[in-house]
Amino acid sequence: MWRAFPEVLMVDTTHNTNMYDWPLVQFIGVTSTSQSFCITAAFVIRERQRNFGWALEKLKQMLYDCMERRVILTDADQALMNACDAVFPNATKNLCRWHISENIRRKFKGLYSTEMGTDFAYWWKVLYQSPTIQEYDHRRLNMERHLIRDDRAEVWQYIRKRWLDPYKHKFVACWIDERRNYDERS
């Protein structure tokens, strides 16, 4: 399956799965019909670029005489992102929307327990699903206005500085859909 569908690679790390407390790195592929399949998994001692790089190099060796990754989807772990850049320099690297949303939810727990939280979840989803840059700009302005109007400027500042300014090209539809990704975004 891996050699037949090498276009999309999803990488995620799972914690607390073994008695040694070593992170489990899972490598998942995606078919042209959007079905996911497990390629392999590896335990790493620590989440460091060197350890992720080793696992990615071993994975890459399985692709001899085959095209390399076109899209790699990860969370925002900097060590993992750096390792992906080093091992697959020509691949497009996207960020998982689910991980980003979970990060925001954990940071602003009280936000989601209110009626405004429902509105926020709607505005956030609409923003990252923007099909064009013009729609993105319009939706970003609307989200900013709503958050500031509802005395949530700190939420807006966090989202803008942590996610939108550095990473919008890695998870907003109008940018990530420029490369075939079989609709994998999280």
C-alpha atoms as a PDB file:
ATOM      1  CA  MET A   1       0.000   0.000   0.000  1.00  0.00           C
ATOM      2  CA  TRP A   2       2.836   2.386   0.908  1.00  0.00           C
ATOM      3  CA  ARG A   3       4.491   2.029  -2.492  1.00  0.00           C
ATOM      4  CA  ALA A   4       1.139   2.329  -4.287  1.00  0.00           C
ATOM      5  CA  PHE A   5       0.062   5.488  -2.438  1.00  0.00           C
ATOM      6  CA  PRO A   6       3.149   7.489  -1.392  1.00  0.00           C
ATOM      7  CA  GLU A   7       1.603  10.940  -1.909  1.00  0.00           C
ATOM      8  CA  VAL A   8       0.402  11.632   1.642  1.00  0.00           C
ATOM      9  CA  LEU A   9       2.107  10.755   4.910  1.00  0.00           C
ATOM     10  CA  MET A  10       0.552  11.485   8.293  1.00  0.00           C
ATOM     11  CA  VAL A  11       2.810  11.360  11.353  1.00  0.00           C
ATOM     12  CA  ASP A  12       1.543  11.443  14.916  1.00  0.00           C
ATOM     13  CA  THR A  13       3.093  10.687  18.266  1.00  0.00           C
ATOM     14  CA  THR A  14       1.179   8.876  20.990  1.00  0.00           C
ATOM     15  CA  HIS A  15       2.211   9.043  24.627  1.00  0.00           C
ATOM     16  CA  ASN A  16       1.713   6.809  27.688  1.00  0.00           C
ATOM     17  CA  THR A  17       1.448   3.612  25.650  1.00  0.00           C
ATOM     18  CA  ASN A  18       4.175   1.512  27.254  1.00  0.00           C
ATOM     19  CA  MET A  19       5.928   0.889  30.564  1.00  0.00           C
ATOM     20  CA  TYR A  20       9.064   2.770  29.443  1.00  0.00           C
ATOM     21  CA  ASP A  21       7.032   5.902  28.662  1.00  0.00           C
ATOM     22  CA  TRP A  22       8.630   6.135  25.210  1.00  0.00           C
ATOM     23  CA  PRO A  23       6.603   8.024  22.588  1.00  0.00           C
ATOM     24  CA  LEU A  24       5.160   5.870  19.808  1.00  0.00           C
ATOM     25  CA  VAL A  25       5.489   7.518  16.390  1.00  0.00           C
ATOM     26  CA  GLN A  26       2.832   6.309  13.966  1.00  0.00           C
ATOM     27  CA  PHE A  27       3.155   6.630  10.187  1.00  0.00           C
ATOM     28  CA  ILE A  28      -0.118   6.555   8.286  1.00  0.00           C
ATOM     29  CA  GLY A  29      -0.678   6.606   4.523  1.00  0.00           C
ATOM     30  CA  VAL A  30      -3.774   7.589   2.572  1.00  0.00           C
ATOM     31  CA  THR A  31      -5.203   6.035  -0.584  1.00  0.00           C
ATOM     32  CA  SER A  32      -6.761   7.917  -3.486  1.00  0.00           C
ATOM     33  CA  THR A  33     -10.179   7.012  -2.034  1.00  0.00           C
ATOM     34  CA  SER A  34      -9.308   8.697   1.290  1.00  0.00           C
ATOM     35  CA  GLN A  35      -8.838   5.444   3.181  1.00  0.00           C
ATOM     36  CA  SER A  36      -6.029   5.506   5.712  1.00  0.00           C
ATOM     37  CA  PHE A  37      -3.668   2.618   6.347  1.00  0.00           C
ATOM     38  CA  CYS A  38      -0.884   2.024   8.834  1.00  0.00           C
ATOM     39  CA  ILE A  39       2.559   2.006   7.264  1.00  0.00           C
ATOM     40  CA  THR A  40       4.598   1.368  10.392  1.00  0.00           C
ATOM     41  CA  ALA A  41       5.297   2.640  13.888  1.00  0.00           C
ATOM     42  CA  ALA A  42       8.402   3.203  15.955  1.00  0.00           C
ATOM     43  CA  PHE A  43       9.218   3.866  19.584  1.00  0.00           C
ATOM     44  CA  VAL A  44      11.593   6.764  20.151  1.00  0.00           C
ATOM     45  CA  ILE A  45      13.327   7.482  23.437  1.00  0.00           C
ATOM     46  CA  ARG A  46      12.597  11.216  23.323  1.00  0.00           C
ATOM     47  CA  GLU A  47      10.843  13.599  20.970  1.00  0.00           C
ATOM     48  CA  ARG A  48      13.977  15.048  19.425  1.00  0.00           C
ATOM     49  CA  GLN A  49      14.795  15.888  15.833  1.00  0.00           C
ATOM     50  CA  ARG A  50      17.537  13.248  15.738  1.00  0.00           C
ATOM     51  CA  ASN A  51      15.155  10.492  16.882  1.00  0.00           C
ATOM     52  CA  PHE A  52      12.375  11.535  14.506  1.00  0.00           C
ATOM     53  CA  GLY A  53      14.966  11.839  11.732  1.00  0.00           C
ATOM     54  CA  TRP A  54      16.111   8.264  12.304  1.00  0.00           C
ATOM     55  CA  ALA A  55      12.548   6.944  12.100  1.00  0.00           C
ATOM     56  CA  LEU A  56      11.818   9.002   8.965  1.00  0.00           C
ATOM     57  CA  GLU A  57      15.046   7.816   7.290  1.00  0.00           C
ATOM     58  CA  LYS A  58      14.068   4.190   7.913  1.00  0.00           C
ATOM     59  CA  LEU A  59      10.646   4.928   6.484  1.00  0.00           C
ATOM     60  CA  LYS A  60      12.190   6.615   3.439  1.00  0.00           C
ATOM     61  CA  GLN A  61      14.363   3.557   2.778  1.00  0.00           C
ATOM     62  CA  MET A  62      11.170   1.587   2.195  1.00  0.00           C
ATOM     63  CA  LEU A  63      10.471   3.786  -0.841  1.00  0.00           C
ATOM     64  CA  TYR A  64      13.481   2.869  -2.966  1.00  0.00           C
ATOM     65  CA  ASP A  65      12.780   3.434  -6.677  1.00  0.00           C
ATOM     66  CA  CYS A  66       9.525   5.163  -5.810  1.00  0.00           C
ATOM     67  CA  MET A  67       8.540   8.801  -5.705  1.00  0.00           C
ATOM     68  CA  GLU A  68       8.979  10.606  -2.436  1.00  0.00           C
ATOM     69  CA  ARG A  69       6.373  12.287  -0.246  1.00  0.00           C
ATOM     70  CA  ARG A  70       4.395  15.120  -1.705  1.00  0.00           C
ATOM     71  CA  VAL A  71       2.485  16.071   1.452  1.00  0.00           C
ATOM     72  CA  ILE A  72       3.355  15.337   5.083  1.00  0.00           C
ATOM     73  CA  LEU A  73       0.784  16.073   7.785  1.00  0.00           C
ATOM     74  CA  THR A  74       1.964  16.485  11.408  1.00  0.00           C
ATOM     75  CA  ASP A  75       1.162  18.291  14.602  1.00  0.00           C
ATOM     76  CA  ALA A  76       3.206  21.393  15.396  1.00  0.00           C
ATOM     77  CA  ASP A  77       6.024  19.592  17.221  1.00  0.00           C
ATOM     78  CA  GLN A  78       9.083  21.587  16.099  1.00  0.00           C
ATOM     79  CA  ALA A  79      11.496  18.638  16.362  1.00  0.00           C
ATOM     80  CA  LEU A  80       9.232  16.512  14.147  1.00  0.00           C
ATOM     81  CA  MET A  81       8.734  19.356  11.660  1.00  0.00           C
ATOM     82  CA  ASN A  82      12.513  19.901  11.449  1.00  0.00           C
ATOM     83  CA  ALA A  83      13.128  16.179  10.917  1.00  0.00           C
ATOM     84  CA  CYS A  84      10.532  16.109   8.118  1.00  0.00           C
ATOM     85  CA  ASP A  85      12.252  19.093   6.474  1.00  0.00           C
ATOM     86  CA  ALA A  86      15.622  17.335   6.676  1.00  0.00           C
ATOM     87  CA  VAL A  87      14.501  13.912   5.409  1.00  0.00           C
ATOM     88  CA  PHE A  88      11.864  15.010   2.879  1.00  0.00           C
ATOM     89  CA  PRO A  89      12.962  18.530   1.882  1.00  0.00           C
ATOM     90  CA  ASN A  90      10.771  18.725  -1.233  1.00  0.00           C
ATOM     91  CA  ALA A  91       7.536  17.611   0.428  1.00  0.00           C
ATOM     92  CA  THR A  92       4.829  20.061   1.397  1.00  0.00           C
ATOM     93  CA  LYS A  93       4.435  20.069   5.180  1.00  0.00           C
ATOM     94  CA  ASN A  94       0.933  20.714   6.525  1.00  0.00           C
ATOM     95  CA  LEU A  95      -0.325  20.903  10.080  1.00  0.00           C
ATOM     96  CA  CYS A  96      -3.194  18.873  11.479  1.00  0.00           C
ATOM     97  CA  ARG A  97      -6.264  21.026  12.119  1.00  0.00           C
ATOM     98  CA  TRP A  98      -7.481  18.746  14.880  1.00  0.00           C
ATOM     99  CA  HIS A  99      -4.233  19.172  16.821  1.00  0.00           C
ATOM    100  CA  ILE A 100      -4.355  22.947  16.409  1.00  0.00           C
ATOM    101  CA  SER A 101      -7.989  23.092  17.537  1.00  0.00           C
ATOM    102  CA  GLU A 102      -7.199  20.903  20.546  1.00  0.00           C
ATOM    103  CA  ASN A 103      -4.294  23.159  21.461  1.00  0.00           C
ATOM    104  CA  ILE A 104      -6.581  26.212  21.414  1.00  0.00           C
ATOM    105  CA  ARG A 105      -9.285  24.352  23.374  1.00  0.00           C
ATOM    106  CA  ARG A 106      -6.808  23.350  26.105  1.00  0.00           C
ATOM    107  CA  LYS A 107      -5.382  26.861  26.352  1.00  0.00           C
ATOM    108  CA  PHE A 108      -8.821  28.490  26.668  1.00  0.00           C
ATOM    109  CA  LYS A 109     -10.853  25.792  28.464  1.00  0.00           C
ATOM    110  CA  GLY A 110     -13.505  28.194  29.751  1.00  0.00           C
ATOM    111  CA  LEU A 111     -14.148  29.527  26.263  1.00  0.00           C
ATOM    112  CA  TYR A 112     -15.750  26.314  25.037  1.00  0.00           C
ATOM    113  CA  SER A 113     -18.106  25.950  27.984  1.00  0.00           C
ATOM    114  CA  THR A 114     -20.005  29.100  27.025  1.00  0.00           C
ATOM    115  CA  GLU A 115     -22.437  30.001  24.284  1.00  0.00           C
ATOM    116  CA  MET A 116     -19.665  32.110  22.820  1.00  0.00           C
ATOM    117  CA  GLY A 117     -17.616  28.904  22.545  1.00  0.00           C
ATOM    118  CA  THR A 118     -20.088  27.565  20.002  1.00  0.00           C
ATOM    119  CA  ASP A 119     -19.698  30.744  17.974  1.00  0.00           C
ATOM    120  CA  PHE A 120     -15.924  30.544  18.296  1.00  0.00           C
ATOM    121  CA  ALA A 121     -15.831  26.938  17.089  1.00  0.00           C
ATOM    122  CA  TYR A 122     -17.940  27.976  14.097  1.00  0.00           C
ATOM    123  CA  TRP A 123     -15.723  30.982  13.217  1.00  0.00           C
ATOM    124  CA  TRP A 124     -12.539  28.940  13.637  1.00  0.00           C
ATOM    125  CA  LYS A 125     -13.791  26.147  11.356  1.00  0.00           C
ATOM    126  CA  VAL A 126     -15.041  28.612   8.757  1.00  0.00           C
ATOM    127  CA  LEU A 127     -11.673  30.367   8.824  1.00  0.00           C
ATOM    128  CA  TYR A 128      -9.501  27.311   8.225  1.00  0.00           C
ATOM    129  CA  GLN A 129     -11.887  26.021   5.532  1.00  0.00           C
ATOM    130  CA  SER A 130     -11.549  29.233   3.480  1.00  0.00           C
ATOM    131  CA  PRO A 131     -11.445  28.172  -0.185  1.00  0.00           C
ATOM    132  CA  THR A 132      -9.805  31.392  -1.458  1.00  0.00           C
ATOM    133  CA  ILE A 133      -7.412  33.981  -0.081  1.00  0.00           C
ATOM    134  CA  GLN A 134     -10.127  36.633  -0.392  1.00  0.00           C
ATOM    135  CA  GLU A 135     -12.524  34.498   1.668  1.00  0.00           C
ATOM    136  CA  TYR A 136      -9.781  33.888   4.211  1.00  0.00           C
ATOM    137  CA  ASP A 137      -9.110  37.633   4.573  1.00  0.00           C
ATOM    138  CA  HIS A 138     -12.844  38.331   4.979  1.00  0.00           C
ATOM    139  CA  ARG A 139     -13.383  35.506   7.492  1.00  0.00           C
ATOM    140  CA  ARG A 140     -10.257  36.411   9.449  1.00  0.00           C
ATOM    141  CA  LEU A 141     -11.509  39.990   9.845  1.00  0.00           C
ATOM    142  CA  ASN A 142     -14.958  38.754  10.950  1.00  0.00           C
ATOM    143  CA  MET A 143     -13.452  36.379  13.495  1.00  0.00           C
ATOM    144  CA  GLU A 144     -11.192  39.117  14.845  1.00  0.00           C
ATOM    145  CA  ARG A 145     -14.146  41.525  15.182  1.00  0.00           C
ATOM    146  CA  HIS A 146     -16.296  38.934  16.974  1.00  0.00           C
ATOM    147  CA  LEU A 147     -13.583  37.955  19.446  1.00  0.00           C
ATOM    148  CA  ILE A 148     -12.651  41.544  20.258  1.00  0.00           C
ATOM    149  CA  ARG A 149     -16.308  42.553  20.548  1.00  0.00           C
ATOM    150  CA  ASP A 150     -16.839  39.688  23.029  1.00  0.00           C
ATOM    151  CA  ASP A 151     -13.863  40.781  25.168  1.00  0.00           C
ATOM    152  CA  ARG A 152     -11.738  37.888  23.911  1.00  0.00           C
ATOM    153  CA  ALA A 153      -8.860  39.885  22.452  1.00  0.00           C
ATOM    154  CA  GLU A 154      -6.364  37.579  24.217  1.00  0.00           C
ATOM    155  CA  VAL A 155      -7.813  34.610  22.312  1.00  0.00           C
ATOM    156  CA  TRP A 156      -7.472  36.473  19.030  1.00  0.00           C
ATOM    157  CA  GLN A 157      -3.882  37.533  19.813  1.00  0.00           C
ATOM    158  CA  TYR A 158      -2.917  33.958  20.673  1.00  0.00           C
ATOM    159  CA  ILE A 159      -4.480  32.511  17.523  1.00  0.00           C
ATOM    160  CA  ARG A 160      -2.955  35.164  15.303  1.00  0.00           C
ATOM    161  CA  LYS A 161       0.547  35.034  16.789  1.00  0.00           C
ATOM    162  CA  ARG A 162       0.769  31.282  17.439  1.00  0.00           C
ATOM    163  CA  TRP A 163      -1.107  29.825  14.467  1.00  0.00           C
ATOM    164  CA  LEU A 164      -2.130  32.241  11.731  1.00  0.00           C
ATOM    165  CA  ASP A 165       0.965  34.403  11.270  1.00  0.00           C
ATOM    166  CA  PRO A 166       3.535  31.581  11.215  1.00  0.00           C
ATOM    167  CA  TYR A 167       1.473  28.627   9.943  1.00  0.00           C
ATOM    168  CA  LYS A 168      -1.632  29.662   7.981  1.00  0.00           C
ATOM    169  CA  HIS A 169      -0.076  28.284   4.774  1.00  0.00           C
ATOM    170  CA  LYS A 170       0.131  24.892   6.462  1.00  0.00           C
ATOM    171  CA  PHE A 171      -3.511  24.327   7.458  1.00  0.00           C
ATOM    172  CA  VAL A 172      -5.895  26.793   5.749  1.00  0.00           C
ATOM    173  CA  ALA A 173      -7.684  25.233   2.753  1.00  0.00           C
ATOM    174  CA  CYS A 174      -6.866  27.902   0.155  1.00  0.00           C
ATOM    175  CA  TRP A 175      -3.159  27.149   0.588  1.00  0.00           C
ATOM    176  CA  ILE A 176      -2.991  23.466   1.443  1.00  0.00           C
ATOM    177  CA  ASP A 177      -5.351  22.372  -1.321  1.00  0.00           C
ATOM    178  CA  GLU A 178      -2.853  23.582  -3.915  1.00  0.00           C
ATOM    179  CA  ARG A 179      -1.145  20.173  -3.538  1.00  0.00           C
ATOM    180  CA  ARG A 180      -2.982  16.860  -3.829  1.00  0.00           C
ATOM    181  CA  ASN A 181      -3.705  15.695  -0.289  1.00  0.00           C
ATOM    182  CA  TYR A 182      -6.709  13.397  -0.811  1.00  0.00           C
ATOM    183  CA  ASP A 183      -8.686  15.752   1.441  1.00  0.00           C
ATOM    184  CA  GLU A 184      -6.519  14.875   4.455  1.00  0.00           C
ATOM    185  CA  ARG A 185      -6.323  17.818   6.801  1.00  0.00           C
ATOM    186  CA  SER A 186      -6.409  16.209  10.236  1.00  0.00           C
END
